[in-house]
C-alpha cells in the first residue's frame, strides 16, 4: 500500500487536481444558478430596466441622441439596494470601448475593491449586447464604466438590472476562470505531493 502511494507520479496528482478543481467550479456554478432561481421565486430578486438618465453620470454628456464621454474615466452610478446578479445592455460604440467594468458595493460609503469588480463582456452571437453576471448578492450601489476612452460616442438608452441567467451563464469559462483553474490545480497538486511524501515517510 505504501509503495503504491509512493509510486504515484506527480503527473497523475496534477491530472487529479485539474479534474477536482473543474468539478468544484461546476458544482459552484450549479449552486449559484440555484441561488438565483430561489431568489426570483421568493421575490427578493427582480429584473428591471433603468434609463441612462436614471444613473448619476460623470464624464458623459448627451449629444445628438447619443452619449459622448468627456474624459477617459466616465462613470455611471446608481443605487440598487437589493439582491443583484449583474447587468446587460445593448449599445453601439463609435470606436472599440476598451475594458467595460462594473463595480459593486455591498456597504454604504464602501471604497473600491478589486474583489468587487466585474468585467462586462461582449456577447458572441450579438456583438451589440454586453453583459456580466455574478452570484446573487445583496448590493447597495453599482458603478458602470462603459468605456476607457474620452470622446467615444455610445448609442444606448437603458441598462437591464438583474437580467435572467441560464445555467450555461454560470458555467461559462472566462480567461479569469482559466487562470484560477490552473493556479488552484497547481496548488492542490502541491498539497497532494506533500501529503504523499509525508504519508510514505511516516509509515516506512
C-alpha atoms as a PDB file:
ATOM      1  CA  UNK A   1       0.000   0.000   0.000  1.00  0.00           C
ATOM      2  CA  UNK A   2       2.751   2.440   0.994  1.00  0.00           C
ATOM      3  CA  UNK A   3       4.752   1.534  -2.091  1.00  0.00           C
ATOM      4  CA  UNK A   4       1.760   2.187  -4.337  1.00  0.00           C
ATOM      5  CA  UNK A   5       1.194   5.609  -2.794  1.00  0.00           C
ATOM      6  CA  UNK A   6       4.889   6.435  -3.082  1.00  0.00           C
ATOM      7  CA  UNK A   7       4.994   5.452  -6.758  1.00  0.00           C
ATOM      8  CA  UNK A   8       2.115   7.677  -7.848  1.00  0.00           C
ATOM      9  CA  UNK A   9       3.777  10.118 -10.297  1.00  0.00           C
ATOM     10  CA  UNK A  10       3.273  13.849  -9.979  1.00  0.00           C
ATOM     11  CA  UNK A  11       1.610  13.913 -13.404  1.00  0.00           C
ATOM     12  CA  UNK A  12      -1.224  11.769 -12.016  1.00  0.00           C
ATOM     13  CA  UNK A  13      -1.567  14.028  -8.978  1.00  0.00           C
ATOM     14  CA  UNK A  14      -1.713  17.017 -11.314  1.00  0.00           C
ATOM     15  CA  UNK A  15      -4.365  15.380 -13.504  1.00  0.00           C
ATOM     16  CA  UNK A  16      -6.469  14.521 -10.453  1.00  0.00           C
ATOM     17  CA  UNK A  17      -6.121  18.113  -9.253  1.00  0.00           C
ATOM     18  CA  UNK A  18      -7.245  19.579 -12.586  1.00  0.00           C
ATOM     19  CA  UNK A  19     -10.315  17.311 -12.639  1.00  0.00           C
ATOM     20  CA  UNK A  20     -11.159  18.012  -8.988  1.00  0.00           C
ATOM     21  CA  UNK A  21     -10.945  21.790  -9.432  1.00  0.00           C
ATOM     22  CA  UNK A  22     -13.028  21.649 -12.628  1.00  0.00           C
ATOM     23  CA  UNK A  23     -15.716  19.657 -10.802  1.00  0.00           C
ATOM     24  CA  UNK A  24     -15.569  22.154  -7.949  1.00  0.00           C
ATOM     25  CA  UNK A  25     -16.112  25.075 -10.329  1.00  0.00           C
ATOM     26  CA  UNK A  26     -19.024  23.237 -11.973  1.00  0.00           C
ATOM     27  CA  UNK A  27     -20.621  22.492  -8.596  1.00  0.00           C
ATOM     28  CA  UNK A  28     -20.240  26.125  -7.562  1.00  0.00           C
ATOM     29  CA  UNK A  29     -21.860  27.274 -10.818  1.00  0.00           C
ATOM     30  CA  UNK A  30     -24.829  24.959 -10.256  1.00  0.00           C
ATOM     31  CA  UNK A  31     -25.225  26.217  -6.689  1.00  0.00           C
ATOM     32  CA  UNK A  32     -25.130  29.855  -7.829  1.00  0.00           C
ATOM     33  CA  UNK A  33     -27.737  29.158 -10.505  1.00  0.00           C
ATOM     34  CA  UNK A  34     -29.954  27.539  -7.888  1.00  0.00           C
ATOM     35  CA  UNK A  35     -29.445  30.548  -5.630  1.00  0.00           C
ATOM     36  CA  UNK A  36     -30.681  32.889  -8.380  1.00  0.00           C
ATOM     37  CA  UNK A  37     -33.735  30.735  -9.083  1.00  0.00           C
ATOM     38  CA  UNK A  38     -34.592  30.669  -5.377  1.00  0.00           C
ATOM     39  CA  UNK A  39     -34.193  34.447  -5.045  1.00  0.00           C
ATOM     40  CA  UNK A  40     -36.503  35.036  -8.019  1.00  0.00           C
ATOM     41  CA  UNK A  41     -39.126  32.678  -6.631  1.00  0.00           C
ATOM     42  CA  UNK A  42     -39.222  34.400  -3.235  1.00  0.00           C
ATOM     43  CA  UNK A  43     -39.357  37.857  -4.834  1.00  0.00           C
ATOM     44  CA  UNK A  44     -36.050  39.172  -3.493  1.00  0.00           C
ATOM     45  CA  UNK A  45     -34.543  39.305  -6.997  1.00  0.00           C
ATOM     46  CA  UNK A  46     -36.313  41.126  -9.818  1.00  0.00           C
ATOM     47  CA  UNK A  47     -35.400  42.284 -13.319  1.00  0.00           C
ATOM     48  CA  UNK A  48     -35.815  45.964 -14.176  1.00  0.00           C
ATOM     49  CA  UNK A  49     -34.872  48.446 -16.875  1.00  0.00           C
ATOM     50  CA  UNK A  50     -33.113  51.677 -15.985  1.00  0.00           C
ATOM     51  CA  UNK A  51     -32.700  54.547 -18.431  1.00  0.00           C
ATOM     52  CA  UNK A  52     -29.247  56.043 -18.790  1.00  0.00           C
ATOM     53  CA  UNK A  53     -30.704  59.244 -17.329  1.00  0.00           C
ATOM     54  CA  UNK A  54     -31.547  57.337 -14.115  1.00  0.00           C
ATOM     55  CA  UNK A  55     -27.833  56.993 -13.408  1.00  0.00           C
ATOM     56  CA  UNK A  56     -25.626  59.666 -11.894  1.00  0.00           C
ATOM     57  CA  UNK A  57     -23.312  60.416 -14.821  1.00  0.00           C
ATOM     58  CA  UNK A  58     -19.741  61.637 -14.563  1.00  0.00           C
ATOM     59  CA  UNK A  59     -17.600  62.251 -17.634  1.00  0.00           C
ATOM     60  CA  UNK A  60     -20.548  61.770 -20.012  1.00  0.00           C
ATOM     61  CA  UNK A  61     -22.947  64.085 -21.817  1.00  0.00           C
ATOM     62  CA  UNK A  62     -25.849  63.670 -24.197  1.00  0.00           C
ATOM     63  CA  UNK A  63     -25.142  64.715 -27.779  1.00  0.00           C
ATOM     64  CA  UNK A  64     -27.452  64.274 -30.762  1.00  0.00           C
ATOM     65  CA  UNK A  65     -29.377  61.448 -29.113  1.00  0.00           C
ATOM     66  CA  UNK A  66     -26.223  59.573 -28.140  1.00  0.00           C
ATOM     67  CA  UNK A  67     -23.821  59.715 -25.208  1.00  0.00           C
ATOM     68  CA  UNK A  68     -20.345  61.177 -25.538  1.00  0.00           C
ATOM     69  CA  UNK A  69     -17.596  60.573 -23.000  1.00  0.00           C
ATOM     70  CA  UNK A  70     -15.780  63.750 -21.982  1.00  0.00           C
ATOM     71  CA  UNK A  71     -12.805  62.094 -20.276  1.00  0.00           C
ATOM     72  CA  UNK A  72     -11.058  58.735 -20.090  1.00  0.00           C
ATOM     73  CA  UNK A  73     -12.822  57.641 -16.909  1.00  0.00           C
ATOM     74  CA  UNK A  74     -16.581  58.007 -17.487  1.00  0.00           C
ATOM     75  CA  UNK A  75     -18.845  56.654 -14.759  1.00  0.00           C
ATOM     76  CA  UNK A  76     -22.490  55.678 -14.419  1.00  0.00           C
ATOM     77  CA  UNK A  77     -23.584  55.280 -10.786  1.00  0.00           C
ATOM     78  CA  UNK A  78     -26.910  54.195  -9.309  1.00  0.00           C
ATOM     79  CA  UNK A  79     -28.361  52.825  -6.098  1.00  0.00           C
ATOM     80  CA  UNK A  80     -29.920  49.361  -6.389  1.00  0.00           C
ATOM     81  CA  UNK A  81     -30.294  48.344  -2.707  1.00  0.00           C
ATOM     82  CA  UNK A  82     -31.280  44.728  -3.185  1.00  0.00           C
ATOM     83  CA  UNK A  83     -30.235  41.345  -4.493  1.00  0.00           C
ATOM     84  CA  UNK A  84     -28.056  41.755  -7.570  1.00  0.00           C
ATOM     85  CA  UNK A  85     -26.812  39.324 -10.220  1.00  0.00           C
ATOM     86  CA  UNK A  86     -25.425  41.566 -12.962  1.00  0.00           C
ATOM     87  CA  UNK A  87     -26.391  43.767 -15.896  1.00  0.00           C
ATOM     88  CA  UNK A  88     -26.876  43.718 -19.638  1.00  0.00           C
ATOM     89  CA  UNK A  89     -27.281  46.432 -22.237  1.00  0.00           C
ATOM     90  CA  UNK A  90     -27.344  46.880 -25.989  1.00  0.00           C
ATOM     91  CA  UNK A  91     -25.027  49.542 -27.381  1.00  0.00           C
ATOM     92  CA  UNK A  92     -23.210  50.759 -30.467  1.00  0.00           C
ATOM     93  CA  UNK A  93     -19.778  52.295 -29.881  1.00  0.00           C
ATOM     94  CA  UNK A  94     -18.112  54.672 -32.298  1.00  0.00           C
ATOM     95  CA  UNK A  95     -14.764  53.010 -31.547  1.00  0.00           C
ATOM     96  CA  UNK A  96     -13.739  49.964 -29.531  1.00  0.00           C
ATOM     97  CA  UNK A  97     -14.571  50.796 -25.884  1.00  0.00           C
ATOM     98  CA  UNK A  98     -11.682  49.021 -24.177  1.00  0.00           C
ATOM     99  CA  UNK A  99     -12.418  47.419 -20.816  1.00  0.00           C
ATOM    100  CA  UNK A 100     -16.018  47.825 -19.647  1.00  0.00           C
ATOM    101  CA  UNK A 101     -16.058  47.394 -15.881  1.00  0.00           C
ATOM    102  CA  UNK A 102     -18.810  47.142 -13.303  1.00  0.00           C
ATOM    103  CA  UNK A 103     -18.035  47.865  -9.654  1.00  0.00           C
ATOM    104  CA  UNK A 104     -20.485  46.883  -6.933  1.00  0.00           C
ATOM    105  CA  UNK A 105     -20.664  47.961  -3.305  1.00  0.00           C
ATOM    106  CA  UNK A 106     -22.241  45.953  -0.505  1.00  0.00           C
ATOM    107  CA  UNK A 107     -21.981  48.633   2.199  1.00  0.00           C
ATOM    108  CA  UNK A 108     -22.929  52.345   2.134  1.00  0.00           C
ATOM    109  CA  UNK A 109     -19.866  54.517   1.525  1.00  0.00           C
ATOM    110  CA  UNK A 110     -17.707  51.497   0.718  1.00  0.00           C
ATOM    111  CA  UNK A 111     -14.499  52.099  -1.255  1.00  0.00           C
ATOM    112  CA  UNK A 112     -13.435  50.348  -4.444  1.00  0.00           C
ATOM    113  CA  UNK A 113     -12.169  46.777  -4.229  1.00  0.00           C
ATOM    114  CA  UNK A 114     -10.669  44.557  -6.963  1.00  0.00           C
ATOM    115  CA  UNK A 115     -12.650  41.691  -5.425  1.00  0.00           C
ATOM    116  CA  UNK A 116     -15.901  43.546  -6.175  1.00  0.00           C
ATOM    117  CA  UNK A 117     -15.295  44.203  -9.840  1.00  0.00           C
ATOM    118  CA  UNK A 118     -16.796  42.522 -12.900  1.00  0.00           C
ATOM    119  CA  UNK A 119     -15.621  42.739 -16.490  1.00  0.00           C
ATOM    120  CA  UNK A 120     -18.529  43.259 -18.871  1.00  0.00           C
ATOM    121  CA  UNK A 121     -18.148  41.039 -21.927  1.00  0.00           C
ATOM    122  CA  UNK A 122     -19.448  41.281 -25.471  1.00  0.00           C
ATOM    123  CA  UNK A 123     -21.894  38.570 -26.489  1.00  0.00           C
ATOM    124  CA  UNK A 124     -20.503  36.146 -29.048  1.00  0.00           C
ATOM    125  CA  UNK A 125     -23.720  35.880 -31.047  1.00  0.00           C
ATOM    126  CA  UNK A 126     -24.841  39.508 -30.746  1.00  0.00           C
ATOM    127  CA  UNK A 127     -21.890  41.953 -30.815  1.00  0.00           C
ATOM    128  CA  UNK A 128     -24.162  44.811 -29.722  1.00  0.00           C
ATOM    129  CA  UNK A 129     -25.073  43.024 -26.475  1.00  0.00           C
ATOM    130  CA  UNK A 130     -22.866  43.447 -23.408  1.00  0.00           C
ATOM    131  CA  UNK A 131     -23.379  41.595 -20.144  1.00  0.00           C
ATOM    132  CA  UNK A 132     -21.888  40.288 -16.909  1.00  0.00           C
ATOM    133  CA  UNK A 133     -23.186  38.092 -14.121  1.00  0.00           C
ATOM    134  CA  UNK A 134     -22.339  37.129 -10.549  1.00  0.00           C
ATOM    135  CA  UNK A 135     -23.907  35.025  -7.750  1.00  0.00           C
ATOM    136  CA  UNK A 136     -26.978  36.642  -6.191  1.00  0.00           C
ATOM    137  CA  UNK A 137     -25.625  39.078  -3.591  1.00  0.00           C
ATOM    138  CA  UNK A 138     -27.099  41.983  -1.665  1.00  0.00           C
ATOM    139  CA  UNK A 139     -25.692  45.160  -3.245  1.00  0.00           C
ATOM    140  CA  UNK A 140     -26.224  48.808  -2.295  1.00  0.00           C
ATOM    141  CA  UNK A 141     -24.713  50.691  -5.253  1.00  0.00           C
ATOM    142  CA  UNK A 142     -23.211  49.883  -8.626  1.00  0.00           C
ATOM    143  CA  UNK A 143     -20.898  51.849 -10.888  1.00  0.00           C
ATOM    144  CA  UNK A 144     -20.543  51.121 -14.591  1.00  0.00           C
ATOM    145  CA  UNK A 145     -17.504  52.371 -16.508  1.00  0.00           C
ATOM    146  CA  UNK A 146     -18.798  51.991 -20.097  1.00  0.00           C
ATOM    147  CA  UNK A 147     -15.500  52.768 -21.849  1.00  0.00           C
ATOM    148  CA  UNK A 148     -11.937  53.861 -21.197  1.00  0.00           C
ATOM    149  CA  UNK A 149     -11.794  56.431 -23.994  1.00  0.00           C
ATOM    150  CA  UNK A 150     -12.531  60.148 -23.999  1.00  0.00           C
ATOM    151  CA  UNK A 151     -14.649  61.347 -26.913  1.00  0.00           C
ATOM    152  CA  UNK A 152     -16.193  57.945 -27.573  1.00  0.00           C
ATOM    153  CA  UNK A 153     -19.808  58.004 -28.772  1.00  0.00           C
ATOM    154  CA  UNK A 154     -22.199  55.432 -27.289  1.00  0.00           C
ATOM    155  CA  UNK A 155     -25.645  54.794 -28.732  1.00  0.00           C
ATOM    156  CA  UNK A 156     -27.707  53.224 -25.949  1.00  0.00           C
ATOM    157  CA  UNK A 157     -30.661  54.244 -23.818  1.00  0.00           C
ATOM    158  CA  UNK A 158     -31.065  51.765 -20.960  1.00  0.00           C
ATOM    159  CA  UNK A 159     -29.415  49.131 -18.783  1.00  0.00           C
ATOM    160  CA  UNK A 160     -31.103  45.928 -17.610  1.00  0.00           C
ATOM    161  CA  UNK A 161     -30.537  45.213 -13.927  1.00  0.00           C
ATOM    162  CA  UNK A 162     -30.620  41.516 -12.977  1.00  0.00           C
ATOM    163  CA  UNK A 163     -31.339  40.014 -16.412  1.00  0.00           C
ATOM    164  CA  UNK A 164     -32.376  36.337 -16.229  1.00  0.00           C
ATOM    165  CA  UNK A 165     -29.442  33.936 -16.482  1.00  0.00           C
ATOM    166  CA  UNK A 166     -29.269  30.350 -17.657  1.00  0.00           C
ATOM    167  CA  UNK A 167     -27.232  27.503 -16.220  1.00  0.00           C
ATOM    168  CA  UNK A 168     -24.725  27.965 -19.052  1.00  0.00           C
ATOM    169  CA  UNK A 169     -24.104  31.555 -17.938  1.00  0.00           C
ATOM    170  CA  UNK A 170     -22.885  30.298 -14.579  1.00  0.00           C
ATOM    171  CA  UNK A 171     -20.824  27.525 -16.172  1.00  0.00           C
ATOM    172  CA  UNK A 172     -19.218  29.792 -18.789  1.00  0.00           C
ATOM    173  CA  UNK A 173     -15.421  29.802 -18.701  1.00  0.00           C
ATOM    174  CA  UNK A 174     -13.684  33.179 -18.868  1.00  0.00           C
ATOM    175  CA  UNK A 175      -9.923  33.880 -19.094  1.00  0.00           C
ATOM    176  CA  UNK A 176     -10.043  34.665 -15.368  1.00  0.00           C
ATOM    177  CA  UNK A 177     -11.614  31.260 -14.649  1.00  0.00           C
ATOM    178  CA  UNK A 178      -8.931  29.532 -16.713  1.00  0.00           C
ATOM    179  CA  UNK A 179      -6.206  31.315 -14.781  1.00  0.00           C
ATOM    180  CA  UNK A 180      -7.793  30.375 -11.442  1.00  0.00           C
ATOM    181  CA  UNK A 181      -8.251  26.792 -12.650  1.00  0.00           C
ATOM    182  CA  UNK A 182      -4.530  26.489 -13.338  1.00  0.00           C
ATOM    183  CA  UNK A 183      -3.499  28.215 -10.097  1.00  0.00           C
ATOM    184  CA  UNK A 184      -5.816  26.157  -7.871  1.00  0.00           C
ATOM    185  CA  UNK A 185      -4.892  22.928  -9.648  1.00  0.00           C
ATOM    186  CA  UNK A 186      -1.173  23.517  -9.176  1.00  0.00           C
ATOM    187  CA  UNK A 187      -1.745  24.405  -5.538  1.00  0.00           C
ATOM    188  CA  UNK A 188      -3.835  21.284  -4.934  1.00  0.00           C
ATOM    189  CA  UNK A 189      -1.268  19.107  -6.702  1.00  0.00           C
ATOM    190  CA  UNK A 190       1.483  20.536  -4.484  1.00  0.00           C
ATOM    191  CA  UNK A 191      -0.599  19.770  -1.383  1.00  0.00           C
ATOM    192  CA  UNK A 192      -1.226  16.213  -2.579  1.00  0.00           C
ATOM    193  CA  UNK A 193       2.501  15.806  -3.220  1.00  0.00           C
ATOM    194  CA  UNK A 194       3.272  16.981   0.307  1.00  0.00           C
ATOM    195  CA  UNK A 195       0.706  14.564   1.774  1.00  0.00           C
ATOM    196  CA  UNK A 196       2.132  11.767  -0.369  1.00  0.00           C
ATOM    197  CA  UNK A 197       5.678  12.353   0.887  1.00  0.00           C
ATOM    198  CA  UNK A 198       4.518  12.764   4.492  1.00  0.00           C
ATOM    199  CA  UNK A 199       2.493   9.543   4.313  1.00  0.00           C
ATOM    200  CA  UNK A 200       5.311   7.458   2.856  1.00  0.00           C
ATOM    201  CA  UNK A 201       7.927   8.787   5.299  1.00  0.00           C
ATOM    202  CA  UNK A 202       5.647   8.254   8.296  1.00  0.00           C
ATOM    203  CA  UNK A 203       4.975   4.599   7.514  1.00  0.00           C
ATOM    204  CA  UNK A 204       8.301   3.488   6.092  1.00  0.00           C
END
